[in-house]
Amino acid sequence: MKNTIKVQRAILDITQEDLAKSIGVSRQTINSIEKNRYVPSTVLALKLSTIFKTPVNDFFTLEEDD
């Protein structure tokens, strides 16, 4: 799975720490998601969707091998 979390953060001009605090996770979790080392839960993905004001499919996309 690919994601554009870093791009979405840049659009909102917020840091990993700011995003993490707003959805109740650690900065390291945000970093791991951005680097595709961690696949977030549905709840976490929906929280990100709320912050970014965009559907989950706009910032998470499946790759052929997923």
PDB file of N, CA and C in Angstrom:
ATOM      1  N   MET A   1       0.849  -1.172   0.000  1.00  0.00           N
ATOM      2  CA  MET A   1       0.000   0.000   0.000  1.00  0.00           C
ATOM      3  C   MET A   1       0.894   1.234   0.000  1.00  0.00           C
ATOM      4  N   LYS A   2       0.529   2.190  -0.827  1.00  0.00           N
ATOM      5  CA  LYS A   2       1.232   3.465  -0.873  1.00  0.00           C
ATOM      6  C   LYS A   2       0.379   4.508  -0.148  1.00  0.00           C
ATOM      7  N   ASN A   3       1.050   5.578   0.276  1.00  0.00           N
ATOM      8  CA  ASN A   3       0.289   6.665   0.884  1.00  0.00           C
ATOM      9  C   ASN A   3       0.927   8.006   0.559  1.00  0.00           C
ATOM     10  N   THR A   4       0.113   9.048   0.727  1.00  0.00           N
ATOM     11  CA  THR A   4       0.581  10.418   0.502  1.00  0.00           C
ATOM     12  C   THR A   4       0.402  11.257   1.770  1.00  0.00           C
ATOM     13  N   ILE A   5       0.604  10.613   2.909  1.00  0.00           N
ATOM     14  CA  ILE A   5       0.425  11.317   4.188  1.00  0.00           C
ATOM     15  C   ILE A   5       1.344  12.532   4.277  1.00  0.00           C
ATOM     16  N   LYS A   6       2.586  12.365   3.858  1.00  0.00           N
ATOM     17  CA  LYS A   6       3.543  13.474   3.926  1.00  0.00           C
ATOM     18  C   LYS A   6       3.061  14.660   3.083  1.00  0.00           C
ATOM     19  N   VAL A   7       2.528  14.370   1.908  1.00  0.00           N
ATOM     20  CA  VAL A   7       1.996  15.415   1.031  1.00  0.00           C
ATOM     21  C   VAL A   7       0.791  16.093   1.684  1.00  0.00           C
ATOM     22  N   GLN A   8      -0.095  15.292   2.256  1.00  0.00           N
ATOM     23  CA  GLN A   8      -1.274  15.847   2.917  1.00  0.00           C
ATOM     24  C   GLN A   8      -0.870  16.750   4.090  1.00  0.00           C
ATOM     25  N   ARG A   9       0.154  16.325   4.831  1.00  0.00           N
ATOM     26  CA  ARG A   9       0.647  17.160   5.942  1.00  0.00           C
ATOM     27  C   ARG A   9       1.194  18.482   5.415  1.00  0.00           C
ATOM     28  N   ALA A  10       1.921  18.413   4.294  1.00  0.00           N
ATOM     29  CA  ALA A  10       2.493  19.633   3.710  1.00  0.00           C
ATOM     30  C   ALA A  10       1.397  20.592   3.268  1.00  0.00           C
ATOM     31  N   ILE A  11       0.330  20.044   2.707  1.00  0.00           N
ATOM     32  CA  ILE A  11      -0.797  20.891   2.283  1.00  0.00           C
ATOM     33  C   ILE A  11      -1.366  21.654   3.476  1.00  0.00           C
ATOM     34  N   LEU A  12      -1.472  20.956   4.611  1.00  0.00           N
ATOM     35  CA  LEU A  12      -2.005  21.588   5.825  1.00  0.00           C
ATOM     36  C   LEU A  12      -0.944  22.334   6.626  1.00  0.00           C
ATOM     37  N   ASP A  13       0.312  22.192   6.202  1.00  0.00           N
ATOM     38  CA  ASP A  13       1.446  22.814   6.893  1.00  0.00           C
ATOM     39  C   ASP A  13       1.497  22.401   8.367  1.00  0.00           C
ATOM     40  N   ILE A  14       1.455  21.075   8.607  1.00  0.00           N
ATOM     41  CA  ILE A  14       1.555  20.563   9.969  1.00  0.00           C
ATOM     42  C   ILE A  14       2.693  19.543  10.063  1.00  0.00           C
ATOM     43  N   THR A  15       3.277  19.447  11.222  1.00  0.00           N
ATOM     44  CA  THR A  15       4.369  18.511  11.457  1.00  0.00           C
ATOM     45  C   THR A  15       3.834  17.124  11.779  1.00  0.00           C
ATOM     46  N   GLN A  16       4.739  16.158  11.772  1.00  0.00           N
ATOM     47  CA  GLN A  16       4.361  14.815  12.202  1.00  0.00           C
ATOM     48  C   GLN A  16       3.842  14.867  13.634  1.00  0.00           C
ATOM     49  N   GLU A  17       4.491  15.637  14.479  1.00  0.00           N
ATOM     50  CA  GLU A  17       4.081  15.753  15.886  1.00  0.00           C
ATOM     51  C   GLU A  17       2.674  16.338  15.995  1.00  0.00           C
ATOM     52  N   ASP A  18       2.397  17.391  15.234  1.00  0.00           N
ATOM     53  CA  ASP A  18       1.059  18.003  15.253  1.00  0.00           C
ATOM     54  C   ASP A  18      -0.016  17.012  14.819  1.00  0.00           C
ATOM     55  N   LEU A  19       0.263  16.290  13.740  1.00  0.00           N
ATOM     56  CA  LEU A  19      -0.694  15.309  13.245  1.00  0.00           C
ATOM     57  C   LEU A  19      -0.899  14.191  14.264  1.00  0.00           C
ATOM     58  N   ALA A  20       0.193  13.719  14.828  1.00  0.00           N
ATOM     59  CA  ALA A  20       0.116  12.645  15.822  1.00  0.00           C
ATOM     60  C   ALA A  20      -0.753  13.052  17.012  1.00  0.00           C
ATOM     61  N   LYS A  21      -0.522  14.250  17.530  1.00  0.00           N
ATOM     62  CA  LYS A  21      -1.310  14.728  18.680  1.00  0.00           C
ATOM     63  C   LYS A  21      -2.792  14.837  18.326  1.00  0.00           C
ATOM     64  N   SER A  22      -3.082  15.280  17.113  1.00  0.00           N
ATOM     65  CA  SER A  22      -4.483  15.497  16.743  1.00  0.00           C
ATOM     66  C   SER A  22      -5.263  14.192  16.586  1.00  0.00           C
ATOM     67  N   ILE A  23      -4.571  13.075  16.345  1.00  0.00           N
ATOM     68  CA  ILE A  23      -5.284  11.802  16.204  1.00  0.00           C
ATOM     69  C   ILE A  23      -4.949  10.803  17.308  1.00  0.00           C
ATOM     70  N   GLY A  24      -4.130  11.230  18.275  1.00  0.00           N
ATOM     71  CA  GLY A  24      -3.888  10.401  19.450  1.00  0.00           C
ATOM     72  C   GLY A  24      -2.883   9.275  19.292  1.00  0.00           C
ATOM     73  N   VAL A  25      -1.850   9.494  18.464  1.00  0.00           N
ATOM     74  CA  VAL A  25      -0.782   8.504  18.317  1.00  0.00           C
ATOM     75  C   VAL A  25       0.563   9.197  18.521  1.00  0.00           C
ATOM     76  N   SER A  26       1.634   8.421  18.466  1.00  0.00           N
ATOM     77  CA  SER A  26       2.969   9.003  18.610  1.00  0.00           C
ATOM     78  C   SER A  26       3.481   9.523  17.264  1.00  0.00           C
ATOM     79  N   ARG A  27       4.453  10.401  17.334  1.00  0.00           N
ATOM     80  CA  ARG A  27       5.091  10.901  16.120  1.00  0.00           C
ATOM     81  C   ARG A  27       5.731   9.745  15.354  1.00  0.00           C
ATOM     82  N   GLN A  28       6.272   8.786  16.094  1.00  0.00           N
ATOM     83  CA  GLN A  28       6.908   7.629  15.466  1.00  0.00           C
ATOM     84  C   GLN A  28       5.902   6.818  14.634  1.00  0.00           C
ATOM     85  N   THR A  29       4.660   6.757  15.099  1.00  0.00           N
ATOM     86  CA  THR A  29       3.621   6.063  14.338  1.00  0.00           C
ATOM     87  C   THR A  29       3.392   6.755  12.999  1.00  0.00           C
ATOM     88  N   ILE A  30       3.301   8.066  13.014  1.00  0.00           N
ATOM     89  CA  ILE A  30       3.122   8.831  11.769  1.00  0.00           C
ATOM     90  C   ILE A  30       4.305   8.593  10.847  1.00  0.00           C
ATOM     91  N   ASN A  31       5.501   8.635  11.399  1.00  0.00           N
ATOM     92  CA  ASN A  31       6.709   8.391  10.613  1.00  0.00           C
ATOM     93  C   ASN A  31       6.673   7.001   9.985  1.00  0.00           C
ATOM     94  N   SER A  32       6.285   6.000  10.747  1.00  0.00           N
ATOM     95  CA  SER A  32       6.219   4.629  10.243  1.00  0.00           C
ATOM     96  C   SER A  32       5.171   4.475   9.148  1.00  0.00           C
ATOM     97  N   ILE A  33       4.045   5.153   9.292  1.00  0.00           N
ATOM     98  CA  ILE A  33       3.009   5.112   8.252  1.00  0.00           C
ATOM     99  C   ILE A  33       3.546   5.756   6.974  1.00  0.00           C
ATOM    100  N   GLU A  34       4.164   6.928   7.103  1.00  0.00           N
ATOM    101  CA  GLU A  34       4.688   7.637   5.934  1.00  0.00           C
ATOM    102  C   GLU A  34       5.736   6.805   5.189  1.00  0.00           C
ATOM    103  N   LYS A  35       6.506   6.015   5.920  1.00  0.00           N
ATOM    104  CA  LYS A  35       7.563   5.200   5.307  1.00  0.00           C
ATOM    105  C   LYS A  35       7.086   3.796   4.939  1.00  0.00           C
ATOM    106  N   ASN A  36       5.780   3.593   5.007  1.00  0.00           N
ATOM    107  CA  ASN A  36       5.164   2.307   4.650  1.00  0.00           C
ATOM    108  C   ASN A  36       5.684   1.136   5.476  1.00  0.00           C
ATOM    109  N   ARG A  37       6.051   1.399   6.719  1.00  0.00           N
ATOM    110  CA  ARG A  37       6.471   0.325   7.621  1.00  0.00           C
ATOM    111  C   ARG A  37       5.322  -0.124   8.513  1.00  0.00           C
ATOM    112  N   TYR A  38       4.235   0.644   8.527  1.00  0.00           N
ATOM    113  CA  TYR A  38       3.095   0.339   9.394  1.00  0.00           C
ATOM    114  C   TYR A  38       1.813   0.632   8.636  1.00  0.00           C
ATOM    115  N   VAL A  39       0.901  -0.322   8.642  1.00  0.00           N
ATOM    116  CA  VAL A  39      -0.408  -0.134   8.017  1.00  0.00           C
ATOM    117  C   VAL A  39      -1.388   0.225   9.132  1.00  0.00           C
ATOM    118  N   PRO A  40      -1.975   1.400   9.067  1.00  0.00           N
ATOM    119  CA  PRO A  40      -2.858   1.839  10.148  1.00  0.00           C
ATOM    120  C   PRO A  40      -4.182   1.070  10.174  1.00  0.00           C
ATOM    121  N   SER A  41      -4.788   1.076  11.334  1.00  0.00           N
ATOM    122  CA  SER A  41      -6.115   0.477  11.484  1.00  0.00           C
ATOM    123  C   SER A  41      -7.143   1.315  10.731  1.00  0.00           C
ATOM    124  N   THR A  42      -8.309   0.748  10.559  1.00  0.00           N
ATOM    125  CA  THR A  42      -9.404   1.477   9.921  1.00  0.00           C
ATOM    126  C   THR A  42      -9.747   2.736  10.711  1.00  0.00           C
ATOM    127  N   VAL A  43      -9.770   2.616  12.025  1.00  0.00           N
ATOM    128  CA  VAL A  43     -10.097   3.767  12.877  1.00  0.00           C
ATOM    129  C   VAL A  43      -9.076   4.882  12.666  1.00  0.00           C
ATOM    130  N   LEU A  44      -7.803   4.523  12.649  1.00  0.00           N
ATOM    131  CA  LEU A  44      -6.756   5.526  12.454  1.00  0.00           C
ATOM    132  C   LEU A  44      -6.855   6.153  11.064  1.00  0.00           C
ATOM    133  N   ALA A  45      -7.125   5.341  10.058  1.00  0.00           N
ATOM    134  CA  ALA A  45      -7.281   5.867   8.698  1.00  0.00           C
ATOM    135  C   ALA A  45      -8.451   6.845   8.622  1.00  0.00           C
ATOM    136  N   LEU A  46      -9.537   6.530   9.316  1.00  0.00           N
ATOM    137  CA  LEU A  46     -10.695   7.437   9.315  1.00  0.00           C
ATOM    138  C   LEU A  46     -10.404   8.724  10.072  1.00  0.00           C
ATOM    139  N   LYS A  47      -9.606   8.637  11.125  1.00  0.00           N
ATOM    140  CA  LYS A  47      -9.194   9.860  11.842  1.00  0.00           C
ATOM    141  C   LYS A  47      -8.351  10.740  10.925  1.00  0.00           C
ATOM    142  N   LEU A  48      -7.446  10.120  10.160  1.00  0.00           N
ATOM    143  CA  LEU A  48      -6.645  10.889   9.202  1.00  0.00           C
ATOM    144  C   LEU A  48      -7.547  11.530   8.154  1.00  0.00           C
ATOM    145  N   SER A  49      -8.538  10.797   7.698  1.00  0.00           N
ATOM    146  CA  SER A  49      -9.486  11.316   6.725  1.00  0.00           C
ATOM    147  C   SER A  49     -10.199  12.561   7.249  1.00  0.00           C
ATOM    148  N   THR A  50     -10.551  12.529   8.509  1.00  0.00           N
ATOM    149  CA  THR A  50     -11.215  13.681   9.119  1.00  0.00           C
ATOM    150  C   THR A  50     -10.278  14.884   9.164  1.00  0.00           C
ATOM    151  N   ILE A  51      -9.041  14.664   9.555  1.00  0.00           N
ATOM    152  CA  ILE A  51      -8.064  15.763   9.630  1.00  0.00           C
ATOM    153  C   ILE A  51      -7.804  16.342   8.242  1.00  0.00           C
ATOM    154  N   PHE A  52      -7.609  15.455   7.252  1.00  0.00           N
ATOM    155  CA  PHE A  52      -7.287  15.909   5.903  1.00  0.00           C
ATOM    156  C   PHE A  52      -8.511  16.368   5.120  1.00  0.00           C
ATOM    157  N   LYS A  53      -9.700  16.091   5.659  1.00  0.00           N
ATOM    158  CA  LYS A  53     -10.960  16.445   4.985  1.00  0.00           C
ATOM    159  C   LYS A  53     -11.000  15.890   3.562  1.00  0.00           C
ATOM    160  N   THR A  54     -10.605  14.631   3.461  1.00  0.00           N
ATOM    161  CA  THR A  54     -10.588  13.940   2.169  1.00  0.00           C
ATOM    162  C   THR A  54     -10.814  12.449   2.400  1.00  0.00           C
ATOM    163  N   PRO A  55     -11.388  11.745   1.438  1.00  0.00           N
ATOM    164  CA  PRO A  55     -11.617  10.306   1.610  1.00  0.00           C
ATOM    165  C   PRO A  55     -10.309   9.533   1.769  1.00  0.00           C
ATOM    166  N   VAL A  56     -10.378   8.433   2.486  1.00  0.00           N
ATOM    167  CA  VAL A  56      -9.207   7.591   2.736  1.00  0.00           C
ATOM    168  C   VAL A  56      -8.527   7.193   1.428  1.00  0.00           C
ATOM    169  N   ASN A  57      -9.321   6.876   0.415  1.00  0.00           N
ATOM    170  CA  ASN A  57      -8.755   6.465  -0.877  1.00  0.00           C
ATOM    171  C   ASN A  57      -7.936   7.557  -1.558  1.00  0.00           C
ATOM    172  N   ASP A  58      -8.064   8.780  -1.106  1.00  0.00           N
ATOM    173  CA  ASP A  58      -7.265   9.872  -1.689  1.00  0.00           C
ATOM    174  C   ASP A  58      -5.831   9.868  -1.185  1.00  0.00           C
ATOM    175  N   PHE A  59      -5.571   9.275  -0.035  1.00  0.00           N
ATOM    176  CA  PHE A  59      -4.192   9.260   0.479  1.00  0.00           C
ATOM    177  C   PHE A  59      -3.640   7.874   0.760  1.00  0.00           C
ATOM    178  N   PHE A  60      -4.469   6.826   0.663  1.00  0.00           N
ATOM    179  CA  PHE A  60      -4.004   5.440   0.707  1.00  0.00           C
ATOM    180  C   PHE A  60      -4.438   4.748  -0.565  1.00  0.00           C
ATOM    181  N   THR A  61      -3.500   4.103  -1.251  1.00  0.00           N
ATOM    182  CA  THR A  61      -3.835   3.359  -2.463  1.00  0.00           C
ATOM    183  C   THR A  61      -3.174   1.978  -2.418  1.00  0.00           C
ATOM    184  N   LEU A  62      -3.909   1.003  -2.922  1.00  0.00           N
ATOM    185  CA  LEU A  62      -3.377  -0.348  -2.987  1.00  0.00           C
ATOM    186  C   LEU A  62      -2.436  -0.486  -4.178  1.00  0.00           C
ATOM    187  N   GLU A  63      -1.409  -1.319  -3.991  1.00  0.00           N
ATOM    188  CA  GLU A  63      -0.512  -1.643  -5.093  1.00  0.00           C
ATOM    189  C   GLU A  63      -0.901  -3.021  -5.623  1.00  0.00           C
ATOM    190  N   GLU A  64      -0.387  -3.392  -6.761  1.00  0.00           N
ATOM    191  CA  GLU A  64      -0.758  -4.668  -7.382  1.00  0.00           C
ATOM    192  C   GLU A  64      -0.541  -5.866  -6.473  1.00  0.00           C
ATOM    193  N   ASP A  65       0.520  -5.860  -5.694  1.00  0.00           N
ATOM    194  CA  ASP A  65       0.842  -7.018  -4.871  1.00  0.00           C
ATOM    195  C   ASP A  65       0.144  -7.019  -3.508  1.00  0.00           C
ATOM    196  N   ASP A  66      -0.708  -6.060  -3.247  1.00  0.00           N
ATOM    197  CA  ASP A  66      -1.438  -6.015  -1.956  1.00  0.00           C
ATOM    198  C   ASP A  66      -2.629  -6.951  -1.962  1.00  0.00           C
TER     199      ASP A  66
END
